[in-house]
Amino acid sequence: MAKTAPNFTPQLLINGTSRAAQGGETFDLYHPATGAQIGKIPLASPADVDAAIAAARTAFDDGPWRSITPADRALLLIRLADALAGEADQLADAEVWQTGTARKLRREGDIPAAVDHLRF
């Protein structure tokens, strides 16, 4: 696990663009074992949710996914699985900092399971 707490400053991802919540509201993220603040998380507003749903609908209706063959979809999911596996250590560390859970459970359990599901 990382020795010092990372600074989590995620943003919303809507229509392929990272952005702050429209209302600018956030909530503090604390390390469960130390109580130290390790970041701020954006609070999505109803307008943010509506924008995300609209973008997803448009992407589904007008984007390429509907016309991609099952074989090509499988290749894309395998690439996603490979990317997830390549970031497994960083993802495990982030989960440990956010939840206080054992790193081994994330690194040897949850993350490989997610990779396996994508590779179905």
PDB file of N, CA and C in Angstrom:
ATOM      1  N   MET A   1       0.841  -1.179   0.000  1.00  0.00           N
ATOM      2  CA  MET A   1       0.000   0.000   0.000  1.00  0.00           C
ATOM      3  C   MET A   1       0.885   1.241   0.000  1.00  0.00           C
ATOM      4  N   ALA A   2       0.408   2.302  -0.600  1.00  0.00           N
ATOM      5  CA  ALA A   2       1.143   3.562  -0.632  1.00  0.00           C
ATOM      6  C   ALA A   2       1.368   4.067   0.783  1.00  0.00           C
ATOM      7  N   LYS A   3       2.532   4.682   1.020  1.00  0.00           N
ATOM      8  CA  LYS A   3       2.875   5.171   2.355  1.00  0.00           C
ATOM      9  C   LYS A   3       2.124   6.448   2.721  1.00  0.00           C
ATOM     10  N   THR A   4       1.889   7.304   1.756  1.00  0.00           N
ATOM     11  CA  THR A   4       1.155   8.537   2.026  1.00  0.00           C
ATOM     12  C   THR A   4      -0.161   8.510   1.275  1.00  0.00           C
ATOM     13  N   ALA A   5      -1.137   9.158   1.852  1.00  0.00           N
ATOM     14  CA  ALA A   5      -2.468   9.161   1.245  1.00  0.00           C
ATOM     15  C   ALA A   5      -2.452   9.895  -0.082  1.00  0.00           C
ATOM     16  N   PRO A   6      -3.045   9.290  -1.091  1.00  0.00           N
ATOM     17  CA  PRO A   6      -3.177  10.006  -2.362  1.00  0.00           C
ATOM     18  C   PRO A   6      -4.215  11.108  -2.214  1.00  0.00           C
ATOM     19  N   ASN A   7      -4.204  12.032  -3.124  1.00  0.00           N
ATOM     20  CA  ASN A   7      -5.212  13.083  -3.119  1.00  0.00           C
ATOM     21  C   ASN A   7      -6.230  12.743  -4.199  1.00  0.00           C
ATOM     22  N   PHE A   8      -7.358  12.197  -3.783  1.00  0.00           N
ATOM     23  CA  PHE A   8      -8.407  11.838  -4.722  1.00  0.00           C
ATOM     24  C   PHE A   8      -9.182  13.092  -5.103  1.00  0.00           C
ATOM     25  N   THR A   9      -9.141  13.432  -6.363  1.00  0.00           N
ATOM     26  CA  THR A   9      -9.903  14.583  -6.857  1.00  0.00           C
ATOM     27  C   THR A   9     -10.594  14.201  -8.165  1.00  0.00           C
ATOM     28  N   PRO A  10     -11.453  13.203  -8.114  1.00  0.00           N
ATOM     29  CA  PRO A  10     -12.121  12.785  -9.342  1.00  0.00           C
ATOM     30  C   PRO A  10     -13.130  13.819  -9.815  1.00  0.00           C
ATOM     31  N   GLN A  11     -13.496  13.698 -11.059  1.00  0.00           N
ATOM     32  CA  GLN A  11     -14.550  14.527 -11.620  1.00  0.00           C
ATOM     33  C   GLN A  11     -15.604  13.603 -12.212  1.00  0.00           C
ATOM     34  N   LEU A  12     -16.728  14.183 -12.565  1.00  0.00           N
ATOM     35  CA  LEU A  12     -17.753  13.425 -13.265  1.00  0.00           C
ATOM     36  C   LEU A  12     -17.278  13.187 -14.694  1.00  0.00           C
ATOM     37  N   LEU A  13     -17.655  12.082 -15.263  1.00  0.00           N
ATOM     38  CA  LEU A  13     -17.340  11.800 -16.663  1.00  0.00           C
ATOM     39  C   LEU A  13     -18.670  11.699 -17.404  1.00  0.00           C
ATOM     40  N   ILE A  14     -18.964  12.728 -18.180  1.00  0.00           N
ATOM     41  CA  ILE A  14     -20.228  12.796 -18.915  1.00  0.00           C
ATOM     42  C   ILE A  14     -19.926  13.093 -20.371  1.00  0.00           C
ATOM     43  N   ASN A  15     -20.404  12.225 -21.243  1.00  0.00           N
ATOM     44  CA  ASN A  15     -20.219  12.388 -22.683  1.00  0.00           C
ATOM     45  C   ASN A  15     -18.737  12.468 -23.057  1.00  0.00           C
ATOM     46  N   GLY A  16     -17.915  11.669 -22.360  1.00  0.00           N
ATOM     47  CA  GLY A  16     -16.496  11.619 -22.670  1.00  0.00           C
ATOM     48  C   GLY A  16     -15.681  12.779 -22.136  1.00  0.00           C
ATOM     49  N   THR A  17     -16.287  13.628 -21.316  1.00  0.00           N
ATOM     50  CA  THR A  17     -15.600  14.806 -20.799  1.00  0.00           C
ATOM     51  C   THR A  17     -15.602  14.791 -19.274  1.00  0.00           C
ATOM     52  N   SER A  18     -14.421  14.981 -18.676  1.00  0.00           N
ATOM     53  CA  SER A  18     -14.333  15.126 -17.221  1.00  0.00           C
ATOM     54  C   SER A  18     -14.756  16.530 -16.843  1.00  0.00           C
ATOM     55  N   ARG A  19     -15.590  16.612 -15.808  1.00  0.00           N
ATOM     56  CA  ARG A  19     -16.030  17.938 -15.377  1.00  0.00           C
ATOM     57  C   ARG A  19     -16.477  17.894 -13.927  1.00  0.00           C
ATOM     58  N   ALA A  20     -16.487  19.073 -13.326  1.00  0.00           N
ATOM     59  CA  ALA A  20     -16.994  19.206 -11.963  1.00  0.00           C
ATOM     60  C   ALA A  20     -18.515  19.107 -11.999  1.00  0.00           C
ATOM     61  N   ALA A  21     -19.105  18.832 -10.871  1.00  0.00           N
ATOM     62  CA  ALA A  21     -20.559  18.827 -10.779  1.00  0.00           C
ATOM     63  C   ALA A  21     -21.081  20.233 -11.068  1.00  0.00           C
ATOM     64  N   GLN A  22     -22.235  20.317 -11.741  1.00  0.00           N
ATOM     65  CA  GLN A  22     -22.778  21.623 -12.120  1.00  0.00           C
ATOM     66  C   GLN A  22     -22.975  22.543 -10.923  1.00  0.00           C
ATOM     67  N   GLY A  23     -23.423  21.986  -9.821  1.00  0.00           N
ATOM     68  CA  GLY A  23     -23.635  22.803  -8.634  1.00  0.00           C
ATOM     69  C   GLY A  23     -22.353  23.116  -7.887  1.00  0.00           C
ATOM     70  N   GLY A  24     -21.257  22.467  -8.282  1.00  0.00           N
ATOM     71  CA  GLY A  24     -19.979  22.697  -7.628  1.00  0.00           C
ATOM     72  C   GLY A  24     -19.868  22.062  -6.253  1.00  0.00           C
ATOM     73  N   GLU A  25     -20.880  21.307  -5.854  1.00  0.00           N
ATOM     74  CA  GLU A  25     -20.848  20.702  -4.526  1.00  0.00           C
ATOM     75  C   GLU A  25     -19.954  19.467  -4.512  1.00  0.00           C
ATOM     76  N   THR A  26     -19.309  19.247  -3.386  1.00  0.00           N
ATOM     77  CA  THR A  26     -18.477  18.067  -3.185  1.00  0.00           C
ATOM     78  C   THR A  26     -18.724  17.526  -1.785  1.00  0.00           C
ATOM     79  N   PHE A  27     -18.257  16.322  -1.555  1.00  0.00           N
ATOM     80  CA  PHE A  27     -18.198  15.838  -0.181  1.00  0.00           C
ATOM     81  C   PHE A  27     -16.797  15.327   0.071  1.00  0.00           C
ATOM     82  N   ASP A  28     -16.388  15.428   1.323  1.00  0.00           N
ATOM     83  CA  ASP A  28     -15.036  15.050   1.701  1.00  0.00           C
ATOM     84  C   ASP A  28     -14.919  13.533   1.808  1.00  0.00           C
ATOM     85  N   LEU A  29     -13.774  13.028   1.393  1.00  0.00           N
ATOM     86  CA  LEU A  29     -13.465  11.609   1.479  1.00  0.00           C
ATOM     87  C   LEU A  29     -12.390  11.441   2.543  1.00  0.00           C
ATOM     88  N   TYR A  30     -12.647  10.577   3.515  1.00  0.00           N
ATOM     89  CA  TYR A  30     -11.724  10.374   4.628  1.00  0.00           C
ATOM     90  C   TYR A  30     -11.207   8.942   4.635  1.00  0.00           C
ATOM     91  N   HIS A  31      -9.943   8.801   5.018  1.00  0.00           N
ATOM     92  CA  HIS A  31      -9.365   7.476   5.203  1.00  0.00           C
ATOM     93  C   HIS A  31     -10.029   6.864   6.430  1.00  0.00           C
ATOM     94  N   PRO A  32     -10.591   5.666   6.307  1.00  0.00           N
ATOM     95  CA  PRO A  32     -11.345   5.100   7.420  1.00  0.00           C
ATOM     96  C   PRO A  32     -10.506   4.744   8.641  1.00  0.00           C
ATOM     97  N   ALA A  33      -9.220   4.473   8.470  1.00  0.00           N
ATOM     98  CA  ALA A  33      -8.386   4.084   9.608  1.00  0.00           C
ATOM     99  C   ALA A  33      -7.781   5.278  10.323  1.00  0.00           C
ATOM    100  N   THR A  34      -7.446   6.329   9.562  1.00  0.00           N
ATOM    101  CA  THR A  34      -6.750   7.464  10.173  1.00  0.00           C
ATOM    102  C   THR A  34      -7.636   8.682  10.363  1.00  0.00           C
ATOM    103  N   GLY A  35      -8.724   8.741   9.625  1.00  0.00           N
ATOM    104  CA  GLY A  35      -9.585   9.917   9.683  1.00  0.00           C
ATOM    105  C   GLY A  35      -9.062  11.088   8.870  1.00  0.00           C
ATOM    106  N   ALA A  36      -7.909  10.916   8.216  1.00  0.00           N
ATOM    107  CA  ALA A  36      -7.333  11.998   7.413  1.00  0.00           C
ATOM    108  C   ALA A  36      -8.157  12.198   6.140  1.00  0.00           C
ATOM    109  N   GLN A  37      -8.371  13.458   5.789  1.00  0.00           N
ATOM    110  CA  GLN A  37      -9.067  13.741   4.540  1.00  0.00           C
ATOM    111  C   GLN A  37      -8.131  13.407   3.383  1.00  0.00           C
ATOM    112  N   ILE A  38      -8.641  12.622   2.433  1.00  0.00           N
ATOM    113  CA  ILE A  38      -7.805  12.212   1.305  1.00  0.00           C
ATOM    114  C   ILE A  38      -8.369  12.671  -0.032  1.00  0.00           C
ATOM    115  N   GLY A  39      -9.414  13.449  -0.004  1.00  0.00           N
ATOM    116  CA  GLY A  39      -9.937  13.960  -1.265  1.00  0.00           C
ATOM    117  C   GLY A  39     -11.324  14.530  -1.147  1.00  0.00           C
ATOM    118  N   LYS A  40     -11.813  14.990  -2.281  1.00  0.00           N
ATOM    119  CA  LYS A  40     -13.169  15.516  -2.396  1.00  0.00           C
ATOM    120  C   LYS A  40     -13.820  14.844  -3.597  1.00  0.00           C
ATOM    121  N   ILE A  41     -15.060  14.473  -3.430  1.00  0.00           N
ATOM    122  CA  ILE A  41     -15.807  13.782  -4.471  1.00  0.00           C
ATOM    123  C   ILE A  41     -16.934  14.702  -4.936  1.00  0.00           C
ATOM    124  N   PRO A  42     -17.112  14.861  -6.257  1.00  0.00           N
ATOM    125  CA  PRO A  42     -18.193  15.722  -6.734  1.00  0.00           C
ATOM    126  C   PRO A  42     -19.564  15.099  -6.462  1.00  0.00           C
ATOM    127  N   LEU A  43     -20.507  15.939  -6.083  1.00  0.00           N
ATOM    128  CA  LEU A  43     -21.888  15.503  -5.908  1.00  0.00           C
ATOM    129  C   LEU A  43     -22.658  15.852  -7.174  1.00  0.00           C
ATOM    130  N   ALA A  44     -23.038  14.857  -7.919  1.00  0.00           N
ATOM    131  CA  ALA A  44     -23.778  15.097  -9.157  1.00  0.00           C
ATOM    132  C   ALA A  44     -25.155  15.665  -8.830  1.00  0.00           C
ATOM    133  N   SER A  45     -25.519  16.697  -9.557  1.00  0.00           N
ATOM    134  CA  SER A  45     -26.842  17.301  -9.406  1.00  0.00           C
ATOM    135  C   SER A  45     -27.837  16.547 -10.286  1.00  0.00           C
ATOM    136  N   PRO A  46     -29.124  16.788 -10.101  1.00  0.00           N
ATOM    137  CA  PRO A  46     -30.098  16.188 -11.019  1.00  0.00           C
ATOM    138  C   PRO A  46     -29.806  16.550 -12.482  1.00  0.00           C
ATOM    139  N   ALA A  47     -29.328  17.759 -12.724  1.00  0.00           N
ATOM    140  CA  ALA A  47     -28.987  18.161 -14.096  1.00  0.00           C
ATOM    141  C   ALA A  47     -27.807  17.345 -14.624  1.00  0.00           C
ATOM    142  N   ASP A  48     -26.826  17.041 -13.751  1.00  0.00           N
ATOM    143  CA  ASP A  48     -25.701  16.194 -14.163  1.00  0.00           C
ATOM    144  C   ASP A  48     -26.193  14.797 -14.539  1.00  0.00           C
ATOM    145  N   VAL A  49     -27.089  14.262 -13.728  1.00  0.00           N
ATOM    146  CA  VAL A  49     -27.633  12.930 -13.997  1.00  0.00           C
ATOM    147  C   VAL A  49     -28.398  12.933 -15.317  1.00  0.00           C
ATOM    148  N   ASP A  50     -29.223  13.957 -15.527  1.00  0.00           N
ATOM    149  CA  ASP A  50     -29.966  14.057 -16.787  1.00  0.00           C
ATOM    150  C   ASP A  50     -29.016  14.137 -17.980  1.00  0.00           C
ATOM    151  N   ALA A  51     -27.937  14.911 -17.841  1.00  0.00           N
ATOM    152  CA  ALA A  51     -26.962  15.044 -18.928  1.00  0.00           C
ATOM    153  C   ALA A  51     -26.277  13.707 -19.210  1.00  0.00           C
ATOM    154  N   ALA A  52     -25.948  12.970 -18.160  1.00  0.00           N
ATOM    155  CA  ALA A  52     -25.301  11.668 -18.335  1.00  0.00           C
ATOM    156  C   ALA A  52     -26.243  10.679 -19.023  1.00  0.00           C
ATOM    157  N   ILE A  53     -27.501  10.685 -18.617  1.00  0.00           N
ATOM    158  CA  ILE A  53     -28.479   9.782 -19.236  1.00  0.00           C
ATOM    159  C   ILE A  53     -28.689  10.144 -20.702  1.00  0.00           C
ATOM    160  N   ALA A  54     -28.808  11.431 -20.981  1.00  0.00           N
ATOM    161  CA  ALA A  54     -28.993  11.875 -22.369  1.00  0.00           C
ATOM    162  C   ALA A  54     -27.789  11.503 -23.229  1.00  0.00           C
ATOM    163  N   ALA A  55     -26.587  11.681 -22.691  1.00  0.00           N
ATOM    164  CA  ALA A  55     -25.378  11.335 -23.444  1.00  0.00           C
ATOM    165  C   ALA A  55     -25.314   9.832 -23.703  1.00  0.00           C
ATOM    166  N   ALA A  56     -25.678   9.040 -22.704  1.00  0.00           N
ATOM    167  CA  ALA A  56     -25.669   7.589 -22.873  1.00  0.00           C
ATOM    168  C   ALA A  56     -26.697   7.158 -23.923  1.00  0.00           C
ATOM    169  N   ARG A  57     -27.862   7.762 -23.878  1.00  0.00           N
ATOM    170  CA  ARG A  57     -28.904   7.426 -24.855  1.00  0.00           C
ATOM    171  C   ARG A  57     -28.449   7.773 -26.270  1.00  0.00           C
ATOM    172  N   THR A  58     -27.870   8.964 -26.428  1.00  0.00           N
ATOM    173  CA  THR A  58     -27.386   9.385 -27.740  1.00  0.00           C
ATOM    174  C   THR A  58     -26.265   8.470 -28.226  1.00  0.00           C
ATOM    175  N   ALA A  59     -25.360   8.132 -27.322  1.00  0.00           N
ATOM    176  CA  ALA A  59     -24.255   7.244 -27.702  1.00  0.00           C
ATOM    177  C   ALA A  59     -24.788   5.886 -28.149  1.00  0.00           C
ATOM    178  N   PHE A  60     -25.791   5.403 -27.462  1.00  0.00           N
ATOM    179  CA  PHE A  60     -26.354   4.108 -27.843  1.00  0.00           C
ATOM    180  C   PHE A  60     -27.103   4.199 -29.171  1.00  0.00           C
ATOM    181  N   ASP A  61     -27.937   5.232 -29.308  1.00  0.00           N
ATOM    182  CA  ASP A  61     -28.759   5.365 -30.518  1.00  0.00           C
ATOM    183  C   ASP A  61     -27.945   5.726 -31.756  1.00  0.00           C
ATOM    184  N   ASP A  62     -26.975   6.618 -31.593  1.00  0.00           N
ATOM    185  CA  ASP A  62     -26.257   7.167 -32.741  1.00  0.00           C
ATOM    186  C   ASP A  62     -24.802   6.728 -32.844  1.00  0.00           C
ATOM    187  N   GLY A  63     -24.283   6.109 -31.800  1.00  0.00           N
ATOM    188  CA  GLY A  63     -22.875   5.722 -31.789  1.00  0.00           C
ATOM    189  C   GLY A  63     -22.638   4.407 -32.510  1.00  0.00           C
ATOM    190  N   PRO A  64     -21.399   3.980 -32.558  1.00  0.00           N
ATOM    191  CA  PRO A  64     -21.037   2.789 -33.332  1.00  0.00           C
ATOM    192  C   PRO A  64     -21.355   1.458 -32.649  1.00  0.00           C
ATOM    193  N   TRP A  65     -21.613   1.456 -31.342  1.00  0.00           N
ATOM    194  CA  TRP A  65     -21.735   0.197 -30.606  1.00  0.00           C
ATOM    195  C   TRP A  65     -22.772  -0.741 -31.222  1.00  0.00           C
ATOM    196  N   ARG A  66     -23.904  -0.195 -31.649  1.00  0.00           N
ATOM    197  CA  ARG A  66     -24.978  -1.032 -32.195  1.00  0.00           C
ATOM    198  C   ARG A  66     -24.549  -1.770 -33.459  1.00  0.00           C
ATOM    199  N   SER A  67     -23.620  -1.188 -34.197  1.00  0.00           N
ATOM    200  CA  SER A  67     -23.217  -1.808 -35.462  1.00  0.00           C
ATOM    201  C   SER A  67     -21.938  -2.644 -35.336  1.00  0.00           C
ATOM    202  N   ILE A  68     -21.354  -2.671 -34.157  1.00  0.00           N
ATOM    203  CA  ILE A  68     -20.136  -3.462 -33.952  1.00  0.00           C
ATOM    204  C   ILE A  68     -20.524  -4.934 -33.807  1.00  0.00           C
ATOM    205  N   THR A  69     -19.823  -5.784 -34.502  1.00  0.00           N
ATOM    206  CA  THR A  69     -20.129  -7.216 -34.442  1.00  0.00           C
ATOM    207  C   THR A  69     -19.824  -7.762 -33.049  1.00  0.00           C
ATOM    208  N   PRO A  70     -20.483  -8.841 -32.661  1.00  0.00           N
ATOM    209  CA  PRO A  70     -20.180  -9.446 -31.364  1.00  0.00           C
ATOM    210  C   PRO A  70     -18.694  -9.784 -31.201  1.00  0.00           C
ATOM    211  N   ALA A  71     -18.055 -10.240 -32.250  1.00  0.00           N
ATOM    212  CA  ALA A  71     -16.625 -10.572 -32.165  1.00  0.00           C
ATOM    213  C   ALA A  71     -15.795  -9.329 -31.876  1.00  0.00           C
ATOM    214  N   ASP A  72     -16.128  -8.220 -32.523  1.00  0.00           N
ATOM    215  CA  ASP A  72     -15.392  -6.979 -32.273  1.00  0.00           C
ATOM    216  C   ASP A  72     -15.707  -6.410 -30.893  1.00  0.00           C
ATOM    217  N   ARG A  73     -16.948  -6.581 -30.429  1.00  0.00           N
ATOM    218  CA  ARG A  73     -17.282  -6.158 -29.063  1.00  0.00           C
ATOM    219  C   ARG A  73     -16.443  -6.943 -28.061  1.00  0.00           C
ATOM    220  N   ALA A  74     -16.315  -8.235 -28.309  1.00  0.00           N
ATOM    221  CA  ALA A  74     -15.510  -9.074 -27.417  1.00  0.00           C
ATOM    222  C   ALA A  74     -14.071  -8.584 -27.365  1.00  0.00           C
ATOM    223  N   LEU A  75     -13.513  -8.213 -28.509  1.00  0.00           N
ATOM    224  CA  LEU A  75     -12.140  -7.694 -28.535  1.00  0.00           C
ATOM    225  C   LEU A  75     -12.020  -6.403 -27.729  1.00  0.00           C
ATOM    226  N   LEU A  76     -13.021  -5.543 -27.823  1.00  0.00           N
ATOM    227  CA  LEU A  76     -12.999  -4.297 -27.045  1.00  0.00           C
ATOM    228  C   LEU A  76     -13.064  -4.590 -25.549  1.00  0.00           C
ATOM    229  N   LEU A  77     -13.888  -5.542 -25.156  1.00  0.00           N
ATOM    230  CA  LEU A  77     -13.982  -5.896 -23.741  1.00  0.00           C
ATOM    231  C   LEU A  77     -12.680  -6.524 -23.246  1.00  0.00           C
ATOM    232  N   ILE A  78     -12.019  -7.286 -24.095  1.00  0.00           N
ATOM    233  CA  ILE A  78     -10.721  -7.862 -23.723  1.00  0.00           C
ATOM    234  C   ILE A  78      -9.690  -6.750 -23.542  1.00  0.00           C
ATOM    235  N   ARG A  79      -9.707  -5.748 -24.405  1.00  0.00           N
ATOM    236  CA  ARG A  79      -8.791  -4.608 -24.243  1.00  0.00           C
ATOM    237  C   ARG A  79      -9.074  -3.881 -22.932  1.00  0.00           C
ATOM    238  N   LEU A  80     -10.353  -3.733 -22.586  1.00  0.00           N
ATOM    239  CA  LEU A  80     -10.702  -3.106 -21.313  1.00  0.00           C
ATOM    240  C   LEU A  80     -10.196  -3.952 -20.151  1.00  0.00           C
ATOM    241  N   ALA A  81     -10.353  -5.260 -20.247  1.00  0.00           N
ATOM    242  CA  ALA A  81      -9.847  -6.157 -19.202  1.00  0.00           C
ATOM    243  C   ALA A  81      -8.338  -6.025 -19.055  1.00  0.00           C
ATOM    244  N   ASP A  82      -7.629  -5.952 -20.171  1.00  0.00           N
ATOM    245  CA  ASP A  82      -6.173  -5.789 -20.131  1.00  0.00           C
ATOM    246  C   ASP A  82      -5.785  -4.473 -19.460  1.00  0.00           C
ATOM    247  N   ALA A  83      -6.516  -3.408 -19.772  1.00  0.00           N
ATOM    248  CA  ALA A  83      -6.226  -2.104 -19.159  1.00  0.00           C
ATOM    249  C   ALA A  83      -6.483  -2.154 -17.658  1.00  0.00           C
ATOM    250  N   LEU A  84      -7.575  -2.779 -17.251  1.00  0.00           N
ATOM    251  CA  LEU A  84      -7.892  -2.915 -15.833  1.00  0.00           C
ATOM    252  C   LEU A  84      -6.817  -3.730 -15.124  1.00  0.00           C
ATOM    253  N   ALA A  85      -6.396  -4.825 -15.727  1.00  0.00           N
ATOM    254  CA  ALA A  85      -5.344  -5.651 -15.134  1.00  0.00           C
ATOM    255  C   ALA A  85      -4.039  -4.870 -15.014  1.00  0.00           C
ATOM    256  N   GLY A  86      -3.757  -4.022 -15.981  1.00  0.00           N
ATOM    257  CA  GLY A  86      -2.535  -3.223 -15.957  1.00  0.00           C
ATOM    258  C   GLY A  86      -2.516  -2.161 -14.872  1.00  0.00           C
ATOM    259  N   GLU A  87      -3.687  -1.797 -14.387  1.00  0.00           N
ATOM    260  CA  GLU A  87      -3.792  -0.788 -13.325  1.00  0.00           C
ATOM    261  C   GLU A  87      -4.182  -1.414 -11.988  1.00  0.00           C
ATOM    262  N   ALA A  88      -4.066  -2.725 -11.877  1.00  0.00           N
ATOM    263  CA  ALA A  88      -4.554  -3.432 -10.695  1.00  0.00           C
ATOM    264  C   ALA A  88      -3.930  -2.930  -9.396  1.00  0.00           C
ATOM    265  N   ASP A  89      -2.631  -2.681  -9.391  1.00  0.00           N
ATOM    266  CA  ASP A  89      -1.988  -2.209  -8.162  1.00  0.00           C
ATOM    267  C   ASP A  89      -2.524  -0.846  -7.745  1.00  0.00           C
ATOM    268  N   GLN A  90      -2.655   0.065  -8.694  1.00  0.00           N
ATOM    269  CA  GLN A  90      -3.154   1.400  -8.382  1.00  0.00           C
ATOM    270  C   GLN A  90      -4.617   1.339  -7.934  1.00  0.00           C
ATOM    271  N   LEU A  91      -5.407   0.508  -8.584  1.00  0.00           N
ATOM    272  CA  LEU A  91      -6.809   0.363  -8.193  1.00  0.00           C
ATOM    273  C   LEU A  91      -6.929  -0.245  -6.801  1.00  0.00           C
ATOM    274  N   ALA A  92      -6.097  -1.228  -6.506  1.00  0.00           N
ATOM    275  CA  ALA A  92      -6.116  -1.840  -5.177  1.00  0.00           C
ATOM    276  C   ALA A  92      -5.746  -0.815  -4.115  1.00  0.00           C
ATOM    277  N   ASP A  93      -4.703  -0.027  -4.375  1.00  0.00           N
ATOM    278  CA  ASP A  93      -4.306   1.009  -3.413  1.00  0.00           C
ATOM    279  C   ASP A  93      -5.427   2.017  -3.191  1.00  0.00           C
ATOM    280  N   ALA A  94      -6.074   2.437  -4.263  1.00  0.00           N
ATOM    281  CA  ALA A  94      -7.166   3.407  -4.133  1.00  0.00           C
ATOM    282  C   ALA A  94      -8.293   2.836  -3.289  1.00  0.00           C
ATOM    283  N   GLU A  95      -8.624   1.589  -3.499  1.00  0.00           N
ATOM    284  CA  GLU A  95      -9.704   0.968  -2.736  1.00  0.00           C
ATOM    285  C   GLU A  95      -9.329   0.827  -1.263  1.00  0.00           C
ATOM    286  N   VAL A  96      -8.075   0.496  -0.993  1.00  0.00           N
ATOM    287  CA  VAL A  96      -7.614   0.398   0.395  1.00  0.00           C
ATOM    288  C   VAL A  96      -7.732   1.748   1.090  1.00  0.00           C
ATOM    289  N   TRP A  97      -7.277   2.804   0.419  1.00  0.00           N
ATOM    290  CA  TRP A  97      -7.349   4.137   1.020  1.00  0.00           C
ATOM    291  C   TRP A  97      -8.785   4.572   1.253  1.00  0.00           C
ATOM    292  N   GLN A  98      -9.681   4.211   0.367  1.00  0.00           N
ATOM    293  CA  GLN A  98     -11.059   4.677   0.479  1.00  0.00           C
ATOM    294  C   GLN A  98     -11.894   3.859   1.453  1.00  0.00           C
ATOM    295  N   THR A  99     -11.588   2.572   1.591  1.00  0.00           N
ATOM    296  CA  THR A  99     -12.451   1.716   2.403  1.00  0.00           C
ATOM    297  C   THR A  99     -11.764   1.112   3.615  1.00  0.00           C
ATOM    298  N   GLY A 100     -10.433   1.129   3.623  1.00  0.00           N
ATOM    299  CA  GLY A 100      -9.709   0.520   4.729  1.00  0.00           C
ATOM    300  C   GLY A 100      -9.668  -1.001   4.644  1.00  0.00           C
ATOM    301  N   THR A 101     -10.095  -1.550   3.543  1.00  0.00           N
ATOM    302  CA  THR A 101     -10.115  -2.997   3.371  1.00  0.00           C
ATOM    303  C   THR A 101      -8.704  -3.533   3.137  1.00  0.00           C
ATOM    304  N   ALA A 102      -8.548  -4.815   3.279  1.00  0.00           N
ATOM    305  CA  ALA A 102      -7.242  -5.434   3.062  1.00  0.00           C
ATOM    306  C   ALA A 102      -6.873  -5.381   1.579  1.00  0.00           C
ATOM    307  N   ARG A 103      -5.642  -4.969   1.298  1.00  0.00           N
ATOM    308  CA  ARG A 103      -5.179  -4.844  -0.083  1.00  0.00           C
ATOM    309  C   ARG A 103      -5.227  -6.194  -0.804  1.00  0.00           C
ATOM    310  N   LYS A 104      -4.893  -7.251  -0.095  1.00  0.00           N
ATOM    311  CA  LYS A 104      -4.874  -8.581  -0.700  1.00  0.00           C
ATOM    312  C   LYS A 104      -6.252  -8.961  -1.245  1.00  0.00           C
ATOM    313  N   LEU A 105      -7.315  -8.575  -0.539  1.00  0.00           N
ATOM    314  CA  LEU A 105      -8.664  -8.884  -1.015  1.00  0.00           C
ATOM    315  C   LEU A 105      -8.957  -8.201  -2.341  1.00  0.00           C
ATOM    316  N   ARG A 106      -8.465  -6.994  -2.506  1.00  0.00           N
ATOM    317  CA  ARG A 106      -8.691  -6.255  -3.756  1.00  0.00           C
ATOM    318  C   ARG A 106      -7.776  -6.783  -4.858  1.00  0.00           C
ATOM    319  N   ARG A 107      -6.494  -6.948  -4.526  1.00  0.00           N
ATOM    320  CA  ARG A 107      -5.490  -7.313  -5.532  1.00  0.00           C
ATOM    321  C   ARG A 107      -5.651  -8.755  -5.998  1.00  0.00           C
ATOM    322  N   GLU A 108      -6.094  -9.630  -5.099  1.00  0.00           N
ATOM    323  CA  GLU A 108      -6.204 -11.044  -5.454  1.00  0.00           C
ATOM    324  C   GLU A 108      -7.650 -11.518  -5.585  1.00  0.00           C
ATOM    325  N   GLY A 109      -8.603 -10.640  -5.296  1.00  0.00           N
ATOM    326  CA  GLY A 109     -10.006 -11.040  -5.352  1.00  0.00           C
ATOM    327  C   GLY A 109     -10.832 -10.211  -6.309  1.00  0.00           C
ATOM    328  N   ASP A 110     -11.215  -9.027  -5.864  1.00  0.00           N
ATOM    329  CA  ASP A 110     -12.161  -8.206  -6.629  1.00  0.00           C
ATOM    330  C   ASP A 110     -11.656  -7.796  -8.007  1.00  0.00           C
ATOM    331  N   ILE A 111     -10.427  -7.331  -8.079  1.00  0.00           N
ATOM    332  CA  ILE A 111      -9.919  -6.832  -9.363  1.00  0.00           C
ATOM    333  C   ILE A 111      -9.743  -7.975 -10.365  1.00  0.00           C
ATOM    334  N   PRO A 112      -9.111  -9.086  -9.993  1.00  0.00           N
ATOM    335  CA  PRO A 112      -9.042 -10.197 -10.948  1.00  0.00           C
ATOM    336  C   PRO A 112     -10.428 -10.722 -11.346  1.00  0.00           C
ATOM    337  N   ALA A 113     -11.381 -10.689 -10.415  1.00  0.00           N
ATOM    338  CA  ALA A 113     -12.739 -11.130 -10.757  1.00  0.00           C
ATOM    339  C   ALA A 113     -13.353 -10.211 -11.807  1.00  0.00           C
ATOM    340  N   ALA A 114     -13.153  -8.907 -11.659  1.00  0.00           N
ATOM    341  CA  ALA A 114     -13.667  -7.961 -12.655  1.00  0.00           C
ATOM    342  C   ALA A 114     -13.018  -8.207 -14.013  1.00  0.00           C
ATOM    343  N   VAL A 115     -11.715  -8.447 -14.005  1.00  0.00           N
ATOM    344  CA  VAL A 115     -10.999  -8.741 -15.254  1.00  0.00           C
ATOM    345  C   VAL A 115     -11.564 -10.012 -15.889  1.00  0.00           C
ATOM    346  N   ASP A 116     -11.775 -11.037 -15.082  1.00  0.00           N
ATOM    347  CA  ASP A 116     -12.321 -12.294 -15.603  1.00  0.00           C
ATOM    348  C   ASP A 116     -13.720 -12.106 -16.187  1.00  0.00           C
ATOM    349  N   HIS A 117     -14.539 -11.291 -15.530  1.00  0.00           N
ATOM    350  CA  HIS A 117     -15.891 -11.043 -16.046  1.00  0.00           C
ATOM    351  C   HIS A 117     -15.841 -10.356 -17.411  1.00  0.00           C
ATOM    352  N   LEU A 118     -14.910  -9.440 -17.575  1.00  0.00           N
ATOM    353  CA  LEU A 118     -14.794  -8.752 -18.864  1.00  0.00           C
ATOM    354  C   LEU A 118     -14.292  -9.683 -19.956  1.00  0.00           C
ATOM    355  N   ARG A 119     -13.514 -10.666 -19.559  1.00  0.00           N
ATOM    356  CA  ARG A 119     -12.962 -11.602 -20.548  1.00  0.00           C
ATOM    357  C   ARG A 119     -13.888 -12.775 -20.833  1.00  0.00           C
ATOM    358  N   PHE A 120     -14.971 -12.879 -20.101  1.00  0.00           N
ATOM    359  CA  PHE A 120     -15.914 -13.986 -20.213  1.00  0.00           C
ATOM    360  C   PHE A 120     -15.627 -14.849 -21.407  1.00  0.00           C
TER     361      PHE A 120
END
